[in-house]
Amino acid sequence: MGEHIRWTRRKAMGATLASAAGVAIPRYARAATTLRWATVLATTHPSVAMMERVAKQVKDDTGGSVEIQLFPAGQLGSSRDLIEATSSGAIQLVDEGAAQFGQFVPQFSILEGPYLWRDPQHMRRVLASPIVDEMNAMLVAKRQMRVIGSTYYGKRHVTSGSKAVNTVDDMKGFKLRIPEVDTFRAMAEAWGARPTPLNISELYLALSQGAVDGQENPLPTIQSNKFFEVQKYLVLTGHILTPRLIVINEAAWQALAAKERQSLKAAIDTHGLAQDNEILSQEGKLVDTFKSGGMSVIQPDIESFRKPVLASVPPKFEAKWGKGLWERIATY
């Protein structure tokens, strides 16, 4: 209480001096809030361009009361490092593949379920539905993080360094780099591959040295990380459509004024949609780009990839996700 009185007196004295000097000061001026936003994505990825636009709009809209500092390209650590740091409040914002949050709320991993989504529009409808609201409430309660936006990361395809892959039989024993996510591991095992979890910042070197035989990612990620330089075959498996979630530390969210929250959400919605459109545009062109650059593009037997995955993955994770959740999302 005494500290509050001293502060009030200092404020009153400052106001008097300012008034005497003919200077107006804001009645409710406060120090700017800084939000640190980190991602593992390369600086050339459309998501990082989106982050830059969001930061600028929020700063402009709030008159500088909220500033966002960006840390792309894994500067602050791996995917798991960044999620843990957001949970603890060491950083305030992270964007990551939805399944990465399954380590805290198991249901999130279904959002990167192989062969679950019909198209990006289906994915967006579900992400804006009560299904994800329920997951979000659990994430806030369990790990003090809140989903405040989402983006379309793209349709994932396999690449191979030296082996042509035409059917799932060609994946037997194939060392496939995957994210550190249990559903990705189960998918690779259903194909007969050898799943090899590896942080994306280490992947280019691992591919170039043959430590793994191949990887799987959307076309814009293959482009921005230059994996096409060290992979001979692009195999259009289209096995997963990945949503990326934009997640904020709950204490940081609660510390923002209502107008600041509104500004942040509006900027993410606006520029997130532009990012989605850019990803879709790139997906429409990059197959030809890679082909002209020397990659061999393979249209594989998709059903041979789908069948073993859908026969094993949903049943294996039903207890973890909750009975009927796969069907609820698939038919939404």
C-alpha atoms as a PDB file:
ATOM      1  CA  MET A   1       0.000   0.000   0.000  1.00  0.00           C
ATOM      2  CA  GLY A   2       2.842   2.394   0.903  1.00  0.00           C
ATOM      3  CA  GLU A   3       4.531   1.681  -2.444  1.00  0.00           C
ATOM      4  CA  HIS A   4       1.260   2.457  -4.238  1.00  0.00           C
ATOM      5  CA  ILE A   5       1.020   5.818  -2.405  1.00  0.00           C
ATOM      6  CA  ARG A   6       4.625   6.714  -3.262  1.00  0.00           C
ATOM      7  CA  TRP A   7       4.011   5.816  -6.935  1.00  0.00           C
ATOM      8  CA  THR A   8       0.803   7.872  -6.992  1.00  0.00           C
ATOM      9  CA  ARG A   9       2.592  10.887  -5.498  1.00  0.00           C
ATOM     10  CA  ARG A  10       5.406  10.590  -8.023  1.00  0.00           C
ATOM     11  CA  LYS A  11       2.837  10.342 -10.810  1.00  0.00           C
ATOM     12  CA  ALA A  12       0.982  13.385  -9.484  1.00  0.00           C
ATOM     13  CA  MET A  13       4.227  15.352  -9.220  1.00  0.00           C
ATOM     14  CA  GLY A  14       5.173  14.334 -12.771  1.00  0.00           C
ATOM     15  CA  ALA A  15       1.767  15.415 -14.023  1.00  0.00           C
ATOM     16  CA  THR A  16       2.140  18.776 -12.295  1.00  0.00           C
ATOM     17  CA  LEU A  17       5.576  19.342 -13.808  1.00  0.00           C
ATOM     18  CA  ALA A  18       4.353  18.269 -17.230  1.00  0.00           C
ATOM     19  CA  SER A  19       1.383  20.576 -16.952  1.00  0.00           C
ATOM     20  CA  ALA A  20       3.636  23.437 -15.967  1.00  0.00           C
ATOM     21  CA  ALA A  21       5.785  22.730 -18.995  1.00  0.00           C
ATOM     22  CA  GLY A  22       2.728  22.613 -21.246  1.00  0.00           C
ATOM     23  CA  VAL A  23       3.205  18.900 -22.069  1.00  0.00           C
ATOM     24  CA  ALA A  24       0.258  16.486 -22.198  1.00  0.00           C
ATOM     25  CA  ILE A  25       0.926  12.921 -21.052  1.00  0.00           C
ATOM     26  CA  PRO A  26      -1.341   9.909 -21.634  1.00  0.00           C
ATOM     27  CA  ARG A  27      -3.584   9.192 -18.691  1.00  0.00           C
ATOM     28  CA  TYR A  28      -3.076   5.432 -18.844  1.00  0.00           C
ATOM     29  CA  ALA A  29       0.379   5.192 -20.382  1.00  0.00           C
ATOM     30  CA  ARG A  30       2.169   1.923 -19.698  1.00  0.00           C
ATOM     31  CA  ALA A  31       5.325   0.192 -20.772  1.00  0.00           C
ATOM     32  CA  ALA A  32       5.206  -1.755 -24.031  1.00  0.00           C
ATOM     33  CA  THR A  33       4.663  -5.508 -23.819  1.00  0.00           C
ATOM     34  CA  THR A  34       7.195  -7.610 -25.708  1.00  0.00           C
ATOM     35  CA  LEU A  35       6.158 -11.008 -27.026  1.00  0.00           C
ATOM     36  CA  ARG A  36       8.886 -13.372 -28.215  1.00  0.00           C
ATOM     37  CA  TRP A  37       7.672 -15.597 -31.100  1.00  0.00           C
ATOM     38  CA  ALA A  38       9.872 -18.508 -32.170  1.00  0.00           C
ATOM     39  CA  THR A  39       9.640 -21.100 -34.924  1.00  0.00           C
ATOM     40  CA  VAL A  40      11.838 -23.813 -36.405  1.00  0.00           C
ATOM     41  CA  LEU A  41      10.847 -22.814 -39.950  1.00  0.00           C
ATOM     42  CA  ALA A  42      13.422 -21.353 -42.335  1.00  0.00           C
ATOM     43  CA  THR A  43      13.457 -17.595 -42.848  1.00  0.00           C
ATOM     44  CA  THR A  44      12.341 -18.097 -46.465  1.00  0.00           C
ATOM     45  CA  HIS A  45       9.200 -20.046 -45.512  1.00  0.00           C
ATOM     46  CA  PRO A  46       5.834 -18.288 -46.070  1.00  0.00           C
ATOM     47  CA  SER A  47       5.003 -18.703 -42.368  1.00  0.00           C
ATOM     48  CA  VAL A  48       7.933 -16.488 -41.380  1.00  0.00           C
ATOM     49  CA  ALA A  49       6.780 -13.811 -43.821  1.00  0.00           C
ATOM     50  CA  MET A  50       3.371 -14.079 -42.137  1.00  0.00           C
ATOM     51  CA  MET A  51       4.939 -13.627 -38.703  1.00  0.00           C
ATOM     52  CA  GLU A  52       6.681 -10.458 -39.877  1.00  0.00           C
ATOM     53  CA  ARG A  53       3.409  -9.025 -41.185  1.00  0.00           C
ATOM     54  CA  VAL A  54       1.585  -9.919 -37.973  1.00  0.00           C
ATOM     55  CA  ALA A  55       4.278  -8.220 -35.877  1.00  0.00           C
ATOM     56  CA  LYS A  56       4.068  -5.033 -37.938  1.00  0.00           C
ATOM     57  CA  GLN A  57       0.275  -4.874 -37.875  1.00  0.00           C
ATOM     58  CA  VAL A  58       0.064  -5.481 -34.125  1.00  0.00           C
ATOM     59  CA  LYS A  59       2.648  -2.796 -33.416  1.00  0.00           C
ATOM     60  CA  ASP A  60       0.788  -0.325 -35.649  1.00  0.00           C
ATOM     61  CA  ASP A  61      -2.666  -1.223 -34.323  1.00  0.00           C
ATOM     62  CA  THR A  62      -1.641  -0.940 -30.673  1.00  0.00           C
ATOM     63  CA  GLY A  63       0.400   2.210 -31.090  1.00  0.00           C
ATOM     64  CA  GLY A  64       3.491   0.297 -30.027  1.00  0.00           C
ATOM     65  CA  SER A  65       2.036  -1.057 -26.770  1.00  0.00           C
ATOM     66  CA  VAL A  66       2.661  -4.608 -28.039  1.00  0.00           C
ATOM     67  CA  GLU A  67       5.886  -5.503 -29.837  1.00  0.00           C
ATOM     68  CA  ILE A  68       6.608  -8.965 -31.243  1.00  0.00           C
ATOM     69  CA  GLN A  69      10.208 -10.141 -31.548  1.00  0.00           C
ATOM     70  CA  LEU A  70      10.714 -12.962 -34.059  1.00  0.00           C
ATOM     71  CA  PHE A  71      13.142 -15.881 -33.773  1.00  0.00           C
ATOM     72  CA  PRO A  72      12.906 -18.079 -36.908  1.00  0.00           C
ATOM     73  CA  ALA A  73      15.037 -20.974 -38.174  1.00  0.00           C
ATOM     74  CA  GLY A  74      15.287 -22.782 -34.833  1.00  0.00           C
ATOM     75  CA  GLN A  75      17.403 -20.030 -33.247  1.00  0.00           C
ATOM     76  CA  LEU A  76      15.931 -20.858 -29.822  1.00  0.00           C
ATOM     77  CA  GLY A  77      15.832 -24.634 -30.155  1.00  0.00           C
ATOM     78  CA  SER A  78      13.948 -27.610 -31.545  1.00  0.00           C
ATOM     79  CA  SER A  79      10.181 -27.963 -31.883  1.00  0.00           C
ATOM     80  CA  ARG A  80       9.905 -29.554 -28.450  1.00  0.00           C
ATOM     81  CA  ASP A  81      12.217 -26.943 -26.904  1.00  0.00           C
ATOM     82  CA  LEU A  82      10.041 -24.122 -28.210  1.00  0.00           C
ATOM     83  CA  ILE A  83       6.796 -25.670 -27.006  1.00  0.00           C
ATOM     84  CA  GLU A  84       8.251 -26.253 -23.545  1.00  0.00           C
ATOM     85  CA  ALA A  85       9.562 -22.677 -23.471  1.00  0.00           C
ATOM     86  CA  THR A  86       6.099 -21.355 -24.371  1.00  0.00           C
ATOM     87  CA  SER A  87       4.504 -23.473 -21.658  1.00  0.00           C
ATOM     88  CA  SER A  88       6.947 -22.125 -19.057  1.00  0.00           C
ATOM     89  CA  GLY A  89       6.684 -18.526 -20.281  1.00  0.00           C
ATOM     90  CA  ALA A  90      10.342 -18.248 -21.321  1.00  0.00           C
ATOM     91  CA  ILE A  91       8.944 -17.276 -24.725  1.00  0.00           C
ATOM     92  CA  GLN A  92       5.385 -16.224 -25.374  1.00  0.00           C
ATOM     93  CA  LEU A  93       4.437 -17.471 -28.855  1.00  0.00           C
ATOM     94  CA  VAL A  94       5.195 -20.546 -30.940  1.00  0.00           C
ATOM     95  CA  ASP A  95       3.825 -22.024 -34.144  1.00  0.00           C
ATOM     96  CA  GLU A  96       4.129 -25.770 -34.564  1.00  0.00           C
ATOM     97  CA  GLY A  97       2.529 -28.747 -36.256  1.00  0.00           C
ATOM     98  CA  ALA A  98      -0.660 -29.667 -34.411  1.00  0.00           C
ATOM     99  CA  ALA A  99       0.522 -33.164 -33.491  1.00  0.00           C
ATOM    100  CA  GLN A 100       3.465 -31.767 -31.505  1.00  0.00           C
ATOM    101  CA  PHE A 101       0.974 -30.654 -28.836  1.00  0.00           C
ATOM    102  CA  GLY A 102      -0.200 -34.254 -28.479  1.00  0.00           C
ATOM    103  CA  GLN A 103       2.570 -34.759 -25.921  1.00  0.00           C
ATOM    104  CA  PHE A 104       0.431 -32.674 -23.525  1.00  0.00           C
ATOM    105  CA  VAL A 105      -3.133 -33.217 -24.789  1.00  0.00           C
ATOM    106  CA  PRO A 106      -3.232 -36.546 -26.689  1.00  0.00           C
ATOM    107  CA  GLN A 107      -6.178 -35.544 -28.872  1.00  0.00           C
ATOM    108  CA  PHE A 108      -4.088 -32.928 -30.696  1.00  0.00           C
ATOM    109  CA  SER A 109      -2.107 -35.620 -32.509  1.00  0.00           C
ATOM    110  CA  ILE A 110      -5.219 -36.662 -34.434  1.00  0.00           C
ATOM    111  CA  LEU A 111      -5.103 -33.307 -36.266  1.00  0.00           C
ATOM    112  CA  GLU A 112      -2.155 -34.657 -38.271  1.00  0.00           C
ATOM    113  CA  GLY A 113      -3.750 -38.044 -38.758  1.00  0.00           C
ATOM    114  CA  PRO A 114      -2.650 -39.659 -42.047  1.00  0.00           C
ATOM    115  CA  TYR A 115      -5.360 -39.666 -44.728  1.00  0.00           C
ATOM    116  CA  LEU A 116      -7.824 -37.930 -42.382  1.00  0.00           C
ATOM    117  CA  TRP A 117      -8.472 -34.649 -44.203  1.00  0.00           C
ATOM    118  CA  ARG A 118     -10.386 -34.417 -47.472  1.00  0.00           C
ATOM    119  CA  ASP A 119      -8.910 -31.026 -48.394  1.00  0.00           C
ATOM    120  CA  PRO A 120      -7.622 -27.794 -46.748  1.00  0.00           C
ATOM    121  CA  GLN A 121     -11.190 -26.466 -46.477  1.00  0.00           C
ATOM    122  CA  HIS A 122     -12.258 -29.502 -44.430  1.00  0.00           C
ATOM    123  CA  MET A 123      -9.248 -28.958 -42.170  1.00  0.00           C
ATOM    124  CA  ARG A 124     -10.087 -25.277 -41.628  1.00  0.00           C
ATOM    125  CA  ARG A 125     -13.730 -26.052 -40.751  1.00  0.00           C
ATOM    126  CA  VAL A 126     -12.668 -28.476 -38.032  1.00  0.00           C
ATOM    127  CA  LEU A 127     -10.005 -26.114 -36.652  1.00  0.00           C
ATOM    128  CA  ALA A 128     -12.712 -23.459 -36.161  1.00  0.00           C
ATOM    129  CA  SER A 129     -15.137 -25.948 -34.577  1.00  0.00           C
ATOM    130  CA  PRO A 130     -16.033 -26.940 -30.994  1.00  0.00           C
ATOM    131  CA  ILE A 131     -13.880 -30.062 -31.496  1.00  0.00           C
ATOM    132  CA  VAL A 132     -10.689 -27.982 -31.299  1.00  0.00           C
ATOM    133  CA  ASP A 133     -12.192 -25.631 -28.685  1.00  0.00           C
ATOM    134  CA  GLU A 134     -12.455 -28.661 -26.392  1.00  0.00           C
ATOM    135  CA  MET A 135      -8.802 -29.572 -27.001  1.00  0.00           C
ATOM    136  CA  ASN A 136      -7.754 -25.959 -26.441  1.00  0.00           C
ATOM    137  CA  ALA A 137      -9.470 -25.806 -23.048  1.00  0.00           C
ATOM    138  CA  MET A 138      -7.474 -28.877 -21.982  1.00  0.00           C
ATOM    139  CA  LEU A 139      -4.208 -27.316 -23.218  1.00  0.00           C
ATOM    140  CA  VAL A 140      -4.861 -24.165 -21.169  1.00  0.00           C
ATOM    141  CA  ALA A 141      -5.675 -26.200 -18.049  1.00  0.00           C
ATOM    142  CA  LYS A 142      -2.804 -28.691 -18.353  1.00  0.00           C
ATOM    143  CA  ARG A 143       0.083 -26.646 -19.743  1.00  0.00           C
ATOM    144  CA  GLN A 144      -0.903 -22.970 -19.601  1.00  0.00           C
ATOM    145  CA  MET A 145      -0.901 -22.527 -23.381  1.00  0.00           C
ATOM    146  CA  ARG A 146      -3.710 -21.347 -25.635  1.00  0.00           C
ATOM    147  CA  VAL A 147      -4.282 -21.820 -29.378  1.00  0.00           C
ATOM    148  CA  ILE A 148      -5.083 -18.412 -30.911  1.00  0.00           C
ATOM    149  CA  GLY A 149      -4.757 -19.242 -34.601  1.00  0.00           C
ATOM    150  CA  SER A 150      -3.897 -21.839 -37.194  1.00  0.00           C
ATOM    151  CA  THR A 151      -2.403 -22.028 -40.666  1.00  0.00           C
ATOM    152  CA  TYR A 152      -2.233 -24.520 -43.509  1.00  0.00           C
ATOM    153  CA  TYR A 153       1.280 -25.963 -43.663  1.00  0.00           C
ATOM    154  CA  GLY A 154       0.651 -28.103 -46.725  1.00  0.00           C
ATOM    155  CA  LYS A 155       0.204 -31.608 -48.050  1.00  0.00           C
ATOM    156  CA  ARG A 156       3.078 -33.883 -47.079  1.00  0.00           C
ATOM    157  CA  HIS A 157       4.972 -36.050 -49.586  1.00  0.00           C
ATOM    158  CA  VAL A 158       7.900 -38.453 -49.339  1.00  0.00           C
ATOM    159  CA  THR A 159      11.303 -37.746 -50.886  1.00  0.00           C
ATOM    160  CA  SER A 160      14.043 -40.297 -51.456  1.00  0.00           C
ATOM    161  CA  GLY A 161      17.750 -39.894 -51.981  1.00  0.00           C
ATOM    162  CA  SER A 162      18.617 -42.891 -54.122  1.00  0.00           C
ATOM    163  CA  LYS A 163      15.687 -45.310 -54.275  1.00  0.00           C
ATOM    164  CA  ALA A 164      12.629 -44.962 -56.515  1.00  0.00           C
ATOM    165  CA  VAL A 165       9.457 -45.524 -54.479  1.00  0.00           C
ATOM    166  CA  ASN A 166       6.423 -46.613 -56.511  1.00  0.00           C
ATOM    167  CA  THR A 167       4.429 -48.661 -54.015  1.00  0.00           C
ATOM    168  CA  VAL A 168       4.453 -49.144 -50.260  1.00  0.00           C
ATOM    169  CA  ASP A 169       6.536 -52.313 -50.775  1.00  0.00           C
ATOM    170  CA  ASP A 170       9.436 -50.050 -51.754  1.00  0.00           C
ATOM    171  CA  MET A 171       9.368 -48.548 -48.242  1.00  0.00           C
ATOM    172  CA  LYS A 172      10.482 -51.787 -46.568  1.00  0.00           C
ATOM    173  CA  GLY A 173      13.512 -50.948 -44.414  1.00  0.00           C
ATOM    174  CA  PHE A 174      13.572 -47.355 -45.728  1.00  0.00           C
ATOM    175  CA  LYS A 175      15.100 -44.996 -43.118  1.00  0.00           C
ATOM    176  CA  LEU A 176      12.446 -42.262 -43.082  1.00  0.00           C
ATOM    177  CA  ARG A 177      13.035 -39.081 -41.113  1.00  0.00           C
ATOM    178  CA  ILE A 178       9.923 -38.157 -39.139  1.00  0.00           C
ATOM    179  CA  PRO A 179       9.078 -35.476 -36.548  1.00  0.00           C
ATOM    180  CA  GLU A 180       9.130 -36.614 -32.915  1.00  0.00           C
ATOM    181  CA  VAL A 181       5.449 -37.587 -32.998  1.00  0.00           C
ATOM    182  CA  ASP A 182       4.002 -41.014 -32.201  1.00  0.00           C
ATOM    183  CA  THR A 183       1.409 -40.982 -35.015  1.00  0.00           C
ATOM    184  CA  PHE A 184       4.131 -40.322 -37.600  1.00  0.00           C
ATOM    185  CA  ARG A 185       6.086 -43.252 -36.177  1.00  0.00           C
ATOM    186  CA  ALA A 186       3.043 -45.509 -36.413  1.00  0.00           C
ATOM    187  CA  MET A 187       2.434 -44.422 -40.014  1.00  0.00           C
ATOM    188  CA  ALA A 188       6.042 -45.156 -41.024  1.00  0.00           C
ATOM    189  CA  GLU A 189       5.889 -48.554 -39.327  1.00  0.00           C
ATOM    190  CA  ALA A 190       2.640 -49.359 -41.154  1.00  0.00           C
ATOM    191  CA  TRP A 191       4.542 -48.734 -44.390  1.00  0.00           C
ATOM    192  CA  GLY A 192       7.327 -51.074 -43.290  1.00  0.00           C
ATOM    193  CA  ALA A 193       9.792 -48.167 -43.047  1.00  0.00           C
ATOM    194  CA  ARG A 194      12.301 -47.511 -40.285  1.00  0.00           C
ATOM    195  CA  PRO A 195      11.114 -44.265 -38.599  1.00  0.00           C
ATOM    196  CA  THR A 196      13.988 -41.970 -37.638  1.00  0.00           C
ATOM    197  CA  PRO A 197      13.007 -38.949 -35.491  1.00  0.00           C
ATOM    198  CA  LEU A 198      15.208 -35.952 -36.228  1.00  0.00           C
ATOM    199  CA  ASN A 199      14.965 -32.214 -35.685  1.00  0.00           C
ATOM    200  CA  ILE A 200      14.396 -30.386 -38.962  1.00  0.00           C
ATOM    201  CA  SER A 201      17.493 -28.207 -38.472  1.00  0.00           C
ATOM    202  CA  GLU A 202      19.640 -31.363 -38.665  1.00  0.00           C
ATOM    203  CA  LEU A 203      17.837 -32.888 -41.622  1.00  0.00           C
ATOM    204  CA  TYR A 204      19.657 -31.396 -44.618  1.00  0.00           C
ATOM    205  CA  LEU A 205      22.999 -32.721 -43.371  1.00  0.00           C
ATOM    206  CA  ALA A 206      21.507 -36.135 -42.541  1.00  0.00           C
ATOM    207  CA  LEU A 207      20.076 -36.403 -46.068  1.00  0.00           C
ATOM    208  CA  SER A 208      23.291 -35.256 -47.715  1.00  0.00           C
ATOM    209  CA  GLN A 209      25.323 -37.833 -45.787  1.00  0.00           C
ATOM    210  CA  GLY A 210      22.831 -40.670 -46.298  1.00  0.00           C
ATOM    211  CA  ALA A 211      22.205 -41.023 -42.558  1.00  0.00           C
ATOM    212  CA  VAL A 212      18.530 -41.282 -43.523  1.00  0.00           C
ATOM    213  CA  ASP A 213      17.164 -42.461 -46.869  1.00  0.00           C
ATOM    214  CA  GLY A 214      14.502 -39.804 -47.150  1.00  0.00           C
ATOM    215  CA  GLN A 215      12.004 -37.559 -45.431  1.00  0.00           C
ATOM    216  CA  GLU A 216       8.415 -36.338 -45.747  1.00  0.00           C
ATOM    217  CA  ASN A 217       7.240 -32.732 -45.765  1.00  0.00           C
ATOM    218  CA  PRO A 218       5.051 -30.321 -47.732  1.00  0.00           C
ATOM    219  CA  LEU A 219       6.471 -28.971 -51.001  1.00  0.00           C
ATOM    220  CA  PRO A 220       7.074 -25.405 -49.679  1.00  0.00           C
ATOM    221  CA  THR A 221       9.145 -26.855 -46.800  1.00  0.00           C
ATOM    222  CA  ILE A 222      11.144 -29.024 -49.201  1.00  0.00           C
ATOM    223  CA  GLN A 223      11.801 -25.805 -51.127  1.00  0.00           C
ATOM    224  CA  SER A 224      12.603 -23.454 -48.222  1.00  0.00           C
ATOM    225  CA  ASN A 225      14.961 -26.001 -46.598  1.00  0.00           C
ATOM    226  CA  LYS A 226      16.537 -26.918 -49.969  1.00  0.00           C
ATOM    227  CA  PHE A 227      15.976 -30.645 -49.456  1.00  0.00           C
ATOM    228  CA  PHE A 228      15.592 -30.935 -53.241  1.00  0.00           C
ATOM    229  CA  GLU A 229      19.362 -30.407 -53.480  1.00  0.00           C
ATOM    230  CA  VAL A 230      20.060 -33.689 -51.656  1.00  0.00           C
ATOM    231  CA  GLN A 231      17.086 -35.834 -52.749  1.00  0.00           C
ATOM    232  CA  LYS A 232      16.636 -37.440 -56.159  1.00  0.00           C
ATOM    233  CA  TYR A 233      12.990 -38.572 -56.028  1.00  0.00           C
ATOM    234  CA  LEU A 234       9.792 -36.723 -55.104  1.00  0.00           C
ATOM    235  CA  VAL A 235       7.070 -39.286 -54.325  1.00  0.00           C
ATOM    236  CA  LEU A 236       3.599 -37.715 -54.339  1.00  0.00           C
ATOM    237  CA  THR A 237       2.087 -39.703 -51.471  1.00  0.00           C
ATOM    238  CA  GLY A 238      -0.011 -36.779 -50.147  1.00  0.00           C
ATOM    239  CA  HIS A 239      -0.337 -38.695 -46.893  1.00  0.00           C
ATOM    240  CA  ILE A 240      -0.980 -35.882 -44.379  1.00  0.00           C
ATOM    241  CA  LEU A 241      -2.394 -32.378 -44.530  1.00  0.00           C
ATOM    242  CA  THR A 242      -0.724 -30.526 -41.679  1.00  0.00           C
ATOM    243  CA  PRO A 243      -2.288 -27.675 -39.729  1.00  0.00           C
ATOM    244  CA  ARG A 244       0.153 -25.506 -37.809  1.00  0.00           C
ATOM    245  CA  LEU A 245      -1.146 -24.046 -34.570  1.00  0.00           C
ATOM    246  CA  ILE A 246      -0.198 -20.609 -33.275  1.00  0.00           C
ATOM    247  CA  VAL A 247      -0.034 -20.914 -29.501  1.00  0.00           C
ATOM    248  CA  ILE A 248       0.512 -18.305 -26.780  1.00  0.00           C
ATOM    249  CA  ASN A 249       1.518 -18.656 -23.148  1.00  0.00           C
ATOM    250  CA  GLU A 250      -1.651 -18.262 -21.077  1.00  0.00           C
ATOM    251  CA  ALA A 251      -0.207 -15.766 -18.574  1.00  0.00           C
ATOM    252  CA  ALA A 252       1.041 -13.609 -21.450  1.00  0.00           C
ATOM    253  CA  TRP A 253      -2.419 -13.761 -23.061  1.00  0.00           C
ATOM    254  CA  GLN A 254      -4.173 -12.768 -19.835  1.00  0.00           C
ATOM    255  CA  ALA A 255      -1.741  -9.868 -19.359  1.00  0.00           C
ATOM    256  CA  LEU A 256      -2.821  -8.301 -22.658  1.00  0.00           C
ATOM    257  CA  ALA A 257      -5.624  -5.759 -22.683  1.00  0.00           C
ATOM    258  CA  ALA A 258      -8.803  -6.797 -24.509  1.00  0.00           C
ATOM    259  CA  LYS A 259      -8.029  -4.529 -27.475  1.00  0.00           C
ATOM    260  CA  GLU A 260      -4.496  -5.926 -27.686  1.00  0.00           C
ATOM    261  CA  ARG A 261      -5.811  -9.502 -27.780  1.00  0.00           C
ATOM    262  CA  GLN A 262      -8.279  -8.500 -30.467  1.00  0.00           C
ATOM    263  CA  SER A 263      -5.487  -6.883 -32.493  1.00  0.00           C
ATOM    264  CA  LEU A 264      -3.264  -9.977 -32.239  1.00  0.00           C
ATOM    265  CA  LYS A 265      -6.067 -12.361 -33.206  1.00  0.00           C
ATOM    266  CA  ALA A 266      -7.185 -10.160 -36.119  1.00  0.00           C
ATOM    267  CA  ALA A 267      -3.620  -9.887 -37.477  1.00  0.00           C
ATOM    268  CA  ILE A 268      -3.119 -13.667 -37.256  1.00  0.00           C
ATOM    269  CA  ASP A 269      -6.450 -14.344 -38.976  1.00  0.00           C
ATOM    270  CA  THR A 270      -5.748 -11.884 -41.805  1.00  0.00           C
ATOM    271  CA  HIS A 271      -2.142 -12.774 -42.515  1.00  0.00           C
ATOM    272  CA  GLY A 272      -2.667 -16.462 -41.741  1.00  0.00           C
ATOM    273  CA  LEU A 273      -5.189 -16.651 -44.570  1.00  0.00           C
ATOM    274  CA  ALA A 274      -2.727 -14.902 -46.904  1.00  0.00           C
ATOM    275  CA  GLN A 275      -0.066 -17.434 -45.863  1.00  0.00           C
ATOM    276  CA  ASP A 276      -2.458 -20.305 -46.601  1.00  0.00           C
ATOM    277  CA  ASN A 277      -3.099 -18.925 -50.074  1.00  0.00           C
ATOM    278  CA  GLU A 278       0.644 -18.573 -50.674  1.00  0.00           C
ATOM    279  CA  ILE A 279       1.219 -22.198 -49.622  1.00  0.00           C
ATOM    280  CA  LEU A 280      -1.559 -23.382 -51.955  1.00  0.00           C
ATOM    281  CA  SER A 281      -0.072 -21.289 -54.771  1.00  0.00           C
ATOM    282  CA  GLN A 282       3.388 -22.753 -54.214  1.00  0.00           C
ATOM    283  CA  GLU A 283       1.982 -26.289 -54.066  1.00  0.00           C
ATOM    284  CA  GLY A 284       0.486 -25.700 -57.497  1.00  0.00           C
ATOM    285  CA  LYS A 285       3.863 -24.798 -59.014  1.00  0.00           C
ATOM    286  CA  LEU A 286       6.621 -26.578 -57.109  1.00  0.00           C
ATOM    287  CA  VAL A 287       6.244 -30.048 -58.630  1.00  0.00           C
ATOM    288  CA  ASP A 288       7.200 -28.573 -61.998  1.00  0.00           C
ATOM    289  CA  THR A 289       9.957 -26.505 -60.360  1.00  0.00           C
ATOM    290  CA  PHE A 290      11.508 -29.587 -58.772  1.00  0.00           C
ATOM    291  CA  LYS A 291      11.121 -31.582 -61.983  1.00  0.00           C
ATOM    292  CA  SER A 292      12.871 -28.908 -64.051  1.00  0.00           C
ATOM    293  CA  GLY A 293      15.573 -28.771 -61.370  1.00  0.00           C
ATOM    294  CA  GLY A 294      16.393 -32.447 -61.893  1.00  0.00           C
ATOM    295  CA  MET A 295      14.213 -34.370 -59.422  1.00  0.00           C
ATOM    296  CA  SER A 296      12.353 -37.419 -60.668  1.00  0.00           C
ATOM    297  CA  VAL A 297       8.673 -37.090 -59.782  1.00  0.00           C
ATOM    298  CA  ILE A 298       6.794 -40.299 -59.041  1.00  0.00           C
ATOM    299  CA  GLN A 299       3.011 -40.758 -58.929  1.00  0.00           C
ATOM    300  CA  PRO A 300       2.914 -43.783 -56.609  1.00  0.00           C
ATOM    301  CA  ASP A 301       0.158 -46.304 -55.977  1.00  0.00           C
ATOM    302  CA  ILE A 302      -1.610 -44.187 -53.332  1.00  0.00           C
ATOM    303  CA  GLU A 303      -3.973 -46.944 -52.213  1.00  0.00           C
ATOM    304  CA  SER A 304      -1.010 -49.140 -51.300  1.00  0.00           C
ATOM    305  CA  PHE A 305       0.095 -46.387 -48.881  1.00  0.00           C
ATOM    306  CA  ARG A 306      -3.400 -45.598 -47.556  1.00  0.00           C
ATOM    307  CA  LYS A 307      -4.599 -49.098 -46.833  1.00  0.00           C
ATOM    308  CA  PRO A 308      -2.073 -50.279 -44.192  1.00  0.00           C
ATOM    309  CA  VAL A 309      -2.131 -46.890 -42.445  1.00  0.00           C
ATOM    310  CA  LEU A 310      -5.921 -46.660 -42.125  1.00  0.00           C
ATOM    311  CA  ALA A 311      -6.060 -50.305 -41.039  1.00  0.00           C
ATOM    312  CA  SER A 312      -3.641 -49.764 -38.145  1.00  0.00           C
ATOM    313  CA  VAL A 313      -3.271 -46.133 -37.020  1.00  0.00           C
ATOM    314  CA  PRO A 314      -6.846 -45.112 -36.038  1.00  0.00           C
ATOM    315  CA  PRO A 315      -7.467 -48.326 -34.032  1.00  0.00           C
ATOM    316  CA  LYS A 316      -4.056 -48.068 -32.356  1.00  0.00           C
ATOM    317  CA  PHE A 317      -4.728 -44.541 -31.071  1.00  0.00           C
ATOM    318  CA  GLU A 318      -8.464 -44.770 -30.387  1.00  0.00           C
ATOM    319  CA  ALA A 319      -7.997 -45.147 -26.624  1.00  0.00           C
ATOM    320  CA  LYS A 320      -5.675 -42.133 -26.600  1.00  0.00           C
ATOM    321  CA  TRP A 321      -7.855 -39.891 -28.773  1.00  0.00           C
ATOM    322  CA  GLY A 322     -11.233 -41.012 -27.490  1.00  0.00           C
ATOM    323  CA  LYS A 323     -13.727 -43.354 -29.108  1.00  0.00           C
ATOM    324  CA  GLY A 324     -15.376 -41.881 -32.181  1.00  0.00           C
ATOM    325  CA  LEU A 325     -13.162 -38.779 -32.515  1.00  0.00           C
ATOM    326  CA  TRP A 326     -11.649 -39.921 -35.832  1.00  0.00           C
ATOM    327  CA  GLU A 327     -15.112 -40.450 -37.326  1.00  0.00           C
ATOM    328  CA  ARG A 328     -16.367 -37.158 -35.848  1.00  0.00           C
ATOM    329  CA  ILE A 329     -13.573 -35.239 -37.587  1.00  0.00           C
ATOM    330  CA  ALA A 330     -13.629 -37.249 -40.821  1.00  0.00           C
ATOM    331  CA  THR A 331     -17.331 -36.557 -41.356  1.00  0.00           C
ATOM    332  CA  TYR A 332     -17.453 -32.963 -40.054  1.00  0.00           C
END
